[in-house]
Structure formats: C-alpha cells, structure tokens
C-alpha cells in the first residue's frame, strides 16, 4: 500500500510539473482551453475503455446475444469501430 501511495505522489508531482510548464507564460483564460481539452480526452478514453471491456465480456459469454465463438472473430469485432457505435 505504501508503494502505491508513493507511486501516486510521483504521478501527482509529474502532473503538477507538466501543468506549470504549460501555463508558464499563459493567461488563465487561454490555459483553461488546454485543461478542458485534456479533461475531455480523459472522459472519452475512460468511456472507450468501459465500452471495450463490456463488448469483450459480451463476446466471450455464451449466454449473451453478442457471443462470438471464435477468438479471432472476437478480436476482429473488438477492433471494429461500428461495434462501438451500436
């Protein structure tokens, strides 16, 4: 547990240092556009990961209507962008 806290502090320090470099000579009104963009990318990334995991479970579960028996076909379906739109 102590290692995890130490790891989190390291990440936090890195993020703060990056933020300081980004806003060094920048007005707060301009900086907010960068931060909001990063927040949006994080949200999209998390949503994609959640959908990916859900599709993976559905493709592997024989009781699901989305079940795919062949592992290669499962992999192909997970990399098909139409699956995420559905």
PDB file of N, CA and C in Angstrom:
ATOM      1  N   UNK A   1       0.829  -1.201   0.000  1.00  0.00           N
ATOM      2  CA  UNK A   1       0.000   0.000   0.000  1.00  0.00           C
ATOM      3  C   UNK A   1       0.869   1.259   0.000  1.00  0.00           C
ATOM      4  N   UNK A   2       1.997   1.188   0.735  1.00  0.00           N
ATOM      5  CA  UNK A   2       2.880   2.349   0.800  1.00  0.00           C
ATOM      6  C   UNK A   2       3.485   2.643  -0.556  1.00  0.00           C
ATOM      7  N   UNK A   3       3.787   1.583  -1.315  1.00  0.00           N
ATOM      8  CA  UNK A   3       4.361   1.767  -2.646  1.00  0.00           C
ATOM      9  C   UNK A   3       3.349   2.444  -3.578  1.00  0.00           C
ATOM     10  N   UNK A   4       2.082   2.074  -3.432  1.00  0.00           N
ATOM     11  CA  UNK A   4       1.032   2.674  -4.262  1.00  0.00           C
ATOM     12  C   UNK A   4       0.908   4.170  -3.963  1.00  0.00           C
ATOM     13  N   UNK A   5       0.956   4.545  -2.682  1.00  0.00           N
ATOM     14  CA  UNK A   5       0.886   5.958  -2.314  1.00  0.00           C
ATOM     15  C   UNK A   5       2.087   6.714  -2.864  1.00  0.00           C
ATOM     16  N   UNK A   6       3.252   6.082  -2.786  1.00  0.00           N
ATOM     17  CA  UNK A   6       4.471   6.702  -3.300  1.00  0.00           C
ATOM     18  C   UNK A   6       4.365   6.878  -4.817  1.00  0.00           C
ATOM     19  N   UNK A   7       3.824   5.891  -5.486  1.00  0.00           N
ATOM     20  CA  UNK A   7       3.615   5.953  -6.936  1.00  0.00           C
ATOM     21  C   UNK A   7       2.644   7.076  -7.291  1.00  0.00           C
ATOM     22  N   UNK A   8       1.559   7.198  -6.527  1.00  0.00           N
ATOM     23  CA  UNK A   8       0.579   8.256  -6.769  1.00  0.00           C
ATOM     24  C   UNK A   8       1.204   9.636  -6.575  1.00  0.00           C
ATOM     25  N   UNK A   9       2.046   9.771  -5.569  1.00  0.00           N
ATOM     26  CA  UNK A   9       2.713  11.056  -5.330  1.00  0.00           C
ATOM     27  C   UNK A   9       3.638  11.397  -6.487  1.00  0.00           C
ATOM     28  N   UNK A  10       4.318  10.380  -7.003  1.00  0.00           N
ATOM     29  CA  UNK A  10       5.215  10.589  -8.136  1.00  0.00           C
ATOM     30  C   UNK A  10       4.433  11.064  -9.360  1.00  0.00           C
ATOM     31  N   UNK A  11       3.315  10.434  -9.614  1.00  0.00           N
ATOM     32  CA  UNK A  11       2.470  10.831 -10.741  1.00  0.00           C
ATOM     33  C   UNK A  11       1.934  12.240 -10.517  1.00  0.00           C
ATOM     34  N   UNK A  12       1.513  12.516  -9.302  1.00  0.00           N
ATOM     35  CA  UNK A  12       0.980  13.838  -8.979  1.00  0.00           C
ATOM     36  C   UNK A  12       2.043  14.923  -9.187  1.00  0.00           C
ATOM     37  N   UNK A  13       3.253  14.652  -8.742  1.00  0.00           N
ATOM     38  CA  UNK A  13       4.340  15.623  -8.923  1.00  0.00           C
ATOM     39  C   UNK A  13       4.618  15.847 -10.405  1.00  0.00           C
ATOM     40  N   UNK A  14       4.615  14.781 -11.178  1.00  0.00           N
ATOM     41  CA  UNK A  14       4.852  14.889 -12.617  1.00  0.00           C
ATOM     42  C   UNK A  14       3.759  15.709 -13.281  1.00  0.00           C
ATOM     43  N   UNK A  15       2.503  15.458 -12.902  1.00  0.00           N
ATOM     44  CA  UNK A  15       1.384  16.215 -13.475  1.00  0.00           C
ATOM     45  C   UNK A  15       1.468  17.696 -13.129  1.00  0.00           C
ATOM     46  N   UNK A  16       1.804  18.003 -11.871  1.00  0.00           N
ATOM     47  CA  UNK A  16       1.923  19.403 -11.474  1.00  0.00           C
ATOM     48  C   UNK A  16       3.057  20.095 -12.219  1.00  0.00           C
ATOM     49  N   UNK A  17       4.172  19.388 -12.379  1.00  0.00           N
ATOM     50  CA  UNK A  17       5.309  19.968 -13.100  1.00  0.00           C
ATOM     51  C   UNK A  17       4.926  20.230 -14.562  1.00  0.00           C
ATOM     52  N   UNK A  18       4.202  19.307 -15.153  1.00  0.00           N
ATOM     53  CA  UNK A  18       3.741  19.495 -16.539  1.00  0.00           C
ATOM     54  C   UNK A  18       2.788  20.679 -16.640  1.00  0.00           C
ATOM     55  N   UNK A  19       1.884  20.784 -15.684  1.00  0.00           N
ATOM     56  CA  UNK A  19       0.928  21.897 -15.687  1.00  0.00           C
ATOM     57  C   UNK A  19       1.655  23.235 -15.546  1.00  0.00           C
ATOM     58  N   UNK A  20       2.656  23.268 -14.689  1.00  0.00           N
ATOM     59  CA  UNK A  20       3.428  24.510 -14.522  1.00  0.00           C
ATOM     60  C   UNK A  20       4.145  24.905 -15.813  1.00  0.00           C
ATOM     61  N   UNK A  21       4.690  23.922 -16.509  1.00  0.00           N
ATOM     62  CA  UNK A  21       5.371  24.217 -17.772  1.00  0.00           C
ATOM     63  C   UNK A  21       4.378  24.737 -18.817  1.00  0.00           C
ATOM     64  N   UNK A  22       3.196  24.153 -18.846  1.00  0.00           N
ATOM     65  CA  UNK A  22       2.192  24.570 -19.830  1.00  0.00           C
ATOM     66  C   UNK A  22       1.716  25.998 -19.609  1.00  0.00           C
ATOM     67  N   UNK A  23       1.520  26.364 -18.367  1.00  0.00           N
ATOM     68  CA  UNK A  23       0.931  27.676 -18.101  1.00  0.00           C
ATOM     69  C   UNK A  23       1.967  28.744 -17.780  1.00  0.00           C
ATOM     70  N   UNK A  24       3.213  28.446 -17.980  1.00  0.00           N
ATOM     71  CA  UNK A  24       4.300  29.348 -17.611  1.00  0.00           C
ATOM     72  C   UNK A  24       4.032  30.810 -17.987  1.00  0.00           C
ATOM     73  N   UNK A  25       3.853  31.087 -19.252  1.00  0.00           N
ATOM     74  CA  UNK A  25       3.612  32.459 -19.703  1.00  0.00           C
ATOM     75  C   UNK A  25       2.251  32.576 -20.376  1.00  0.00           C
ATOM     76  N   UNK A  26       1.277  31.929 -19.811  1.00  0.00           N
ATOM     77  CA  UNK A  26      -0.026  31.881 -20.446  1.00  0.00           C
ATOM     78  C   UNK A  26      -1.090  32.468 -19.523  1.00  0.00           C
ATOM     79  N   UNK A  27      -2.012  33.167 -20.122  1.00  0.00           N
ATOM     80  CA  UNK A  27      -3.136  33.726 -19.388  1.00  0.00           C
ATOM     81  C   UNK A  27      -4.074  32.586 -18.971  1.00  0.00           C
ATOM     82  N   UNK A  28      -4.716  32.738 -17.827  1.00  0.00           N
ATOM     83  CA  UNK A  28      -5.621  31.701 -17.333  1.00  0.00           C
ATOM     84  C   UNK A  28      -6.757  31.426 -18.306  1.00  0.00           C
ATOM     85  N   UNK A  29      -7.221  32.446 -19.005  1.00  0.00           N
ATOM     86  CA  UNK A  29      -8.305  32.259 -19.972  1.00  0.00           C
ATOM     87  C   UNK A  29      -7.871  31.347 -21.121  1.00  0.00           C
ATOM     88  N   UNK A  30      -6.618  31.423 -21.511  1.00  0.00           N
ATOM     89  CA  UNK A  30      -6.104  30.548 -22.558  1.00  0.00           C
ATOM     90  C   UNK A  30      -5.832  29.144 -22.019  1.00  0.00           C
ATOM     91  N   UNK A  31      -5.317  29.089 -20.820  1.00  0.00           N
ATOM     92  CA  UNK A  31      -4.936  27.813 -20.208  1.00  0.00           C
ATOM     93  C   UNK A  31      -6.144  26.910 -20.001  1.00  0.00           C
ATOM     94  N   UNK A  32      -7.302  27.510 -19.723  1.00  0.00           N
ATOM     95  CA  UNK A  32      -8.485  26.692 -19.474  1.00  0.00           C
ATOM     96  C   UNK A  32      -8.856  25.870 -20.711  1.00  0.00           C
ATOM     97  N   UNK A  33      -8.571  26.368 -21.901  1.00  0.00           N
ATOM     98  CA  UNK A  33      -8.882  25.606 -23.117  1.00  0.00           C
ATOM     99  C   UNK A  33      -8.037  24.334 -23.192  1.00  0.00           C
ATOM    100  N   UNK A  34      -6.802  24.429 -22.783  1.00  0.00           N
ATOM    101  CA  UNK A  34      -5.929  23.256 -22.759  1.00  0.00           C
ATOM    102  C   UNK A  34      -6.436  22.248 -21.738  1.00  0.00           C
ATOM    103  N   UNK A  35      -6.740  22.729 -20.548  1.00  0.00           N
ATOM    104  CA  UNK A  35      -7.195  21.842 -19.479  1.00  0.00           C
ATOM    105  C   UNK A  35      -8.522  21.197 -19.844  1.00  0.00           C
ATOM    106  N   UNK A  36      -9.451  21.958 -20.367  1.00  0.00           N
ATOM    107  CA  UNK A  36     -10.743  21.384 -20.751  1.00  0.00           C
ATOM    108  C   UNK A  36     -10.573  20.344 -21.848  1.00  0.00           C
ATOM    109  N   UNK A  37      -9.665  20.580 -22.764  1.00  0.00           N
ATOM    110  CA  UNK A  37      -9.390  19.592 -23.807  1.00  0.00           C
ATOM    111  C   UNK A  37      -8.838  18.299 -23.230  1.00  0.00           C
ATOM    112  N   UNK A  38      -7.942  18.421 -22.261  1.00  0.00           N
ATOM    113  CA  UNK A  38      -7.380  17.233 -21.621  1.00  0.00           C
ATOM    114  C   UNK A  38      -8.434  16.475 -20.817  1.00  0.00           C
ATOM    115  N   UNK A  39      -9.306  17.203 -20.148  1.00  0.00           N
ATOM    116  CA  UNK A  39     -10.396  16.564 -19.395  1.00  0.00           C
ATOM    117  C   UNK A  39     -11.320  15.817 -20.351  1.00  0.00           C
ATOM    118  N   UNK A  40     -11.625  16.417 -21.485  1.00  0.00           N
ATOM    119  CA  UNK A  40     -12.472  15.770 -22.479  1.00  0.00           C
ATOM    120  C   UNK A  40     -11.809  14.497 -23.001  1.00  0.00           C
ATOM    121  N   UNK A  41     -10.515  14.558 -23.291  1.00  0.00           N
ATOM    122  CA  UNK A  41      -9.812  13.364 -23.777  1.00  0.00           C
ATOM    123  C   UNK A  41      -9.815  12.251 -22.733  1.00  0.00           C
ATOM    124  N   UNK A  42      -9.665  12.602 -21.475  1.00  0.00           N
ATOM    125  CA  UNK A  42      -9.712  11.607 -20.407  1.00  0.00           C
ATOM    126  C   UNK A  42     -11.094  10.973 -20.327  1.00  0.00           C
ATOM    127  N   UNK A  43     -12.137  11.789 -20.444  1.00  0.00           N
ATOM    128  CA  UNK A  43     -13.504  11.273 -20.410  1.00  0.00           C
ATOM    129  C   UNK A  43     -13.741  10.298 -21.565  1.00  0.00           C
ATOM    130  N   UNK A  44     -13.328  10.670 -22.767  1.00  0.00           N
ATOM    131  CA  UNK A  44     -13.507   9.814 -23.936  1.00  0.00           C
ATOM    132  C   UNK A  44     -12.709   8.520 -23.778  1.00  0.00           C
ATOM    133  N   UNK A  45     -11.497   8.629 -23.269  1.00  0.00           N
ATOM    134  CA  UNK A  45     -10.656   7.454 -23.057  1.00  0.00           C
ATOM    135  C   UNK A  45     -11.313   6.483 -22.072  1.00  0.00           C
ATOM    136  N   UNK A  46     -11.830   7.007 -20.963  1.00  0.00           N
ATOM    137  CA  UNK A  46     -12.499   6.164 -19.968  1.00  0.00           C
ATOM    138  C   UNK A  46     -13.756   5.523 -20.545  1.00  0.00           C
ATOM    139  N   UNK A  47     -14.532   6.278 -21.314  1.00  0.00           N
ATOM    140  CA  UNK A  47     -15.747   5.744 -21.920  1.00  0.00           C
ATOM    141  C   UNK A  47     -15.406   4.632 -22.912  1.00  0.00           C
ATOM    142  N   UNK A  48     -14.346   4.830 -23.701  1.00  0.00           N
ATOM    143  CA  UNK A  48     -13.923   3.809 -24.652  1.00  0.00           C
ATOM    144  C   UNK A  48     -13.497   2.544 -23.931  1.00  0.00           C
ATOM    145  N   UNK A  49     -12.698   2.674 -22.884  1.00  0.00           N
ATOM    146  CA  UNK A  49     -12.243   1.505 -22.126  1.00  0.00           C
ATOM    147  C   UNK A  49     -13.419   0.738 -21.531  1.00  0.00           C
ATOM    148  N   UNK A  50     -14.392   1.475 -21.009  1.00  0.00           N
ATOM    149  CA  UNK A  50     -15.575   0.838 -20.423  1.00  0.00           C
ATOM    150  C   UNK A  50     -16.350   0.061 -21.484  1.00  0.00           C
ATOM    151  N   UNK A  51     -16.552   0.662 -22.634  1.00  0.00           N
ATOM    152  CA  UNK A  51     -17.280   0.004 -23.720  1.00  0.00           C
ATOM    153  C   UNK A  51     -16.500  -1.202 -24.238  1.00  0.00           C
ATOM    154  N   UNK A  52     -15.180  -1.067 -24.349  1.00  0.00           N
ATOM    155  CA  UNK A  52     -14.319  -2.160 -24.807  1.00  0.00           C
ATOM    156  C   UNK A  52     -14.469  -3.372 -23.890  1.00  0.00           C
ATOM    157  N   UNK A  53     -14.382  -3.132 -22.578  1.00  0.00           N
ATOM    158  CA  UNK A  53     -14.500  -4.228 -21.615  1.00  0.00           C
ATOM    159  C   UNK A  53     -15.880  -4.866 -21.673  1.00  0.00           C
ATOM    160  N   UNK A  54     -16.930  -4.058 -21.829  1.00  0.00           N
ATOM    161  CA  UNK A  54     -18.277  -4.596 -21.905  1.00  0.00           C
ATOM    162  C   UNK A  54     -18.451  -5.455 -23.159  1.00  0.00           C
ATOM    163  N   UNK A  55     -17.961  -4.980 -24.286  1.00  0.00           N
ATOM    164  CA  UNK A  55     -18.041  -5.766 -25.517  1.00  0.00           C
ATOM    165  C   UNK A  55     -17.246  -7.062 -25.392  1.00  0.00           C
ATOM    166  N   UNK A  56     -16.084  -6.982 -24.783  1.00  0.00           N
ATOM    167  CA  UNK A  56     -15.249  -8.171 -24.610  1.00  0.00           C
ATOM    168  C   UNK A  56     -15.986  -9.221 -23.787  1.00  0.00           C
ATOM    169  N   UNK A  57     -16.608  -8.797 -22.695  1.00  0.00           N
ATOM    170  CA  UNK A  57     -17.383  -9.730 -21.864  1.00  0.00           C
ATOM    171  C   UNK A  57     -18.560 -10.315 -22.639  1.00  0.00           C
ATOM    172  N   UNK A  58     -19.254  -9.481 -23.402  1.00  0.00           N
ATOM    173  CA  UNK A  58     -20.397  -9.954 -24.184  1.00  0.00           C
ATOM    174  C   UNK A  58     -19.978 -10.954 -25.253  1.00  0.00           C
ATOM    175  N   UNK A  59     -18.857 -10.706 -25.908  1.00  0.00           N
ATOM    176  CA  UNK A  59     -18.386 -11.604 -26.961  1.00  0.00           C
ATOM    177  C   UNK A  59     -17.924 -12.949 -26.404  1.00  0.00           C
ATOM    178  N   UNK A  60     -17.444 -12.971 -25.162  1.00  0.00           N
ATOM    179  CA  UNK A  60     -16.933 -14.201 -24.550  1.00  0.00           C
ATOM    180  C   UNK A  60     -18.002 -14.997 -23.808  1.00  0.00           C
ATOM    181  N   UNK A  61     -19.124 -14.385 -23.490  1.00  0.00           N
ATOM    182  CA  UNK A  61     -20.174 -15.025 -22.701  1.00  0.00           C
ATOM    183  C   UNK A  61     -21.132 -15.795 -23.607  1.00  0.00           C
ATOM    184  N   UNK A  62     -21.179 -17.132 -23.487  1.00  0.00           N
ATOM    185  CA  UNK A  62     -22.067 -17.930 -24.343  1.00  0.00           C
ATOM    186  C   UNK A  62     -23.551 -17.616 -24.171  1.00  0.00           C
ATOM    187  N   UNK A  63     -23.925 -17.040 -23.047  1.00  0.00           N
ATOM    188  CA  UNK A  63     -25.329 -16.717 -22.803  1.00  0.00           C
ATOM    189  C   UNK A  63     -25.729 -15.356 -23.374  1.00  0.00           C
ATOM    190  N   UNK A  64     -24.754 -14.585 -23.842  1.00  0.00           N
ATOM    191  CA  UNK A  64     -25.032 -13.269 -24.391  1.00  0.00           C
ATOM    192  C   UNK A  64     -25.500 -13.386 -25.839  1.00  0.00           C
ATOM    193  N   UNK A  65     -26.358 -12.473 -26.254  1.00  0.00           N
ATOM    194  CA  UNK A  65     -26.794 -12.463 -27.650  1.00  0.00           C
ATOM    195  C   UNK A  65     -25.664 -12.028 -28.589  1.00  0.00           C
ATOM    196  N   UNK A  66     -24.600 -11.451 -28.031  1.00  0.00           N
ATOM    197  CA  UNK A  66     -23.469 -10.978 -28.827  1.00  0.00           C
ATOM    198  C   UNK A  66     -22.304 -11.973 -28.834  1.00  0.00           C
ATOM    199  N   UNK A  67     -22.535 -13.179 -28.320  1.00  0.00           N
ATOM    200  CA  UNK A  67     -21.491 -14.190 -28.201  1.00  0.00           C
ATOM    201  C   UNK A  67     -20.867 -14.509 -29.559  1.00  0.00           C
ATOM    202  N   UNK A  68     -19.541 -14.578 -29.567  1.00  0.00           N
ATOM    203  CA  UNK A  68     -18.779 -14.979 -30.759  1.00  0.00           C
ATOM    204  C   UNK A  68     -17.852 -16.106 -30.320  1.00  0.00           C
ATOM    205  N   UNK A  69     -17.991 -17.256 -30.945  1.00  0.00           N
ATOM    206  CA  UNK A  69     -17.259 -18.444 -30.518  1.00  0.00           C
ATOM    207  C   UNK A  69     -15.764 -18.364 -30.823  1.00  0.00           C
ATOM    208  N   UNK A  70     -15.407 -17.914 -32.009  1.00  0.00           N
ATOM    209  CA  UNK A  70     -14.010 -17.911 -32.421  1.00  0.00           C
ATOM    210  C   UNK A  70     -13.249 -16.712 -31.820  1.00  0.00           C
ATOM    211  N   UNK A  71     -12.107 -16.972 -31.175  1.00  0.00           N
ATOM    212  CA  UNK A  71     -11.324 -15.865 -30.590  1.00  0.00           C
ATOM    213  C   UNK A  71     -10.855 -14.845 -31.628  1.00  0.00           C
ATOM    214  N   UNK A  72     -10.510 -15.308 -32.825  1.00  0.00           N
ATOM    215  CA  UNK A  72     -10.071 -14.366 -33.858  1.00  0.00           C
ATOM    216  C   UNK A  72     -11.204 -13.434 -34.265  1.00  0.00           C
ATOM    217  N   UNK A  73     -12.406 -13.972 -34.337  1.00  0.00           N
ATOM    218  CA  UNK A  73     -13.565 -13.145 -34.682  1.00  0.00           C
ATOM    219  C   UNK A  73     -13.874 -12.162 -33.549  1.00  0.00           C
ATOM    220  N   UNK A  74     -13.659 -12.585 -32.296  1.00  0.00           N
ATOM    221  CA  UNK A  74     -13.853 -11.681 -31.154  1.00  0.00           C
ATOM    222  C   UNK A  74     -12.893 -10.501 -31.265  1.00  0.00           C
ATOM    223  N   UNK A  75     -11.635 -10.817 -31.564  1.00  0.00           N
ATOM    224  CA  UNK A  75     -10.625  -9.761 -31.702  1.00  0.00           C
ATOM    225  C   UNK A  75     -10.999  -8.804 -32.826  1.00  0.00           C
ATOM    226  N   UNK A  76     -11.450  -9.348 -33.947  1.00  0.00           N
ATOM    227  CA  UNK A  76     -11.859  -8.514 -35.075  1.00  0.00           C
ATOM    228  C   UNK A  76     -13.031  -7.616 -34.718  1.00  0.00           C
ATOM    229  N   UNK A  77     -13.981  -8.182 -33.982  1.00  0.00           N
ATOM    230  CA  UNK A  77     -15.158  -7.397 -33.592  1.00  0.00           C
ATOM    231  C   UNK A  77     -14.774  -6.294 -32.600  1.00  0.00           C
ATOM    232  N   UNK A  78     -13.825  -6.579 -31.725  1.00  0.00           N
ATOM    233  CA  UNK A  78     -13.390  -5.561 -30.759  1.00  0.00           C
ATOM    234  C   UNK A  78     -12.669  -4.406 -31.440  1.00  0.00           C
ATOM    235  N   UNK A  79     -12.135  -4.641 -32.612  1.00  0.00           N
ATOM    236  CA  UNK A  79     -11.422  -3.598 -33.341  1.00  0.00           C
ATOM    237  C   UNK A  79     -12.249  -3.003 -34.476  1.00  0.00           C
ATOM    238  N   UNK A  80     -13.534  -3.312 -34.478  1.00  0.00           N
ATOM    239  CA  UNK A  80     -14.445  -2.768 -35.484  1.00  0.00           C
ATOM    240  C   UNK A  80     -15.159  -1.563 -34.884  1.00  0.00           C
ATOM    241  N   UNK A  81     -14.928  -0.395 -35.455  1.00  0.00           N
ATOM    242  CA  UNK A  81     -15.498   0.815 -34.849  1.00  0.00           C
ATOM    243  C   UNK A  81     -17.014   0.846 -34.873  1.00  0.00           C
ATOM    244  N   UNK A  82     -17.647   0.101 -35.770  1.00  0.00           N
ATOM    245  CA  UNK A  82     -19.109   0.045 -35.790  1.00  0.00           C
ATOM    246  C   UNK A  82     -19.682  -0.609 -34.530  1.00  0.00           C
ATOM    247  N   UNK A  83     -18.919  -1.502 -33.916  1.00  0.00           N
ATOM    248  CA  UNK A  83     -19.365  -2.136 -32.664  1.00  0.00           C
ATOM    249  C   UNK A  83     -19.523  -1.106 -31.556  1.00  0.00           C
ATOM    250  N   UNK A  84     -18.700  -0.087 -31.560  1.00  0.00           N
ATOM    251  CA  UNK A  84     -18.755   0.941 -30.518  1.00  0.00           C
ATOM    252  C   UNK A  84     -19.883   1.930 -30.760  1.00  0.00           C
ATOM    253  N   UNK A  85     -20.281   2.052 -32.003  1.00  0.00           N
ATOM    254  CA  UNK A  85     -21.379   2.961 -32.337  1.00  0.00           C
ATOM    255  C   UNK A  85     -22.732   2.353 -32.002  1.00  0.00           C
ATOM    256  N   UNK A  86     -22.794   1.019 -31.977  1.00  0.00           N
ATOM    257  CA  UNK A  86     -24.045   0.288 -31.779  1.00  0.00           C
ATOM    258  C   UNK A  86     -24.614   0.388 -30.408  1.00  0.00           C
TER     259      UNK A  86
END
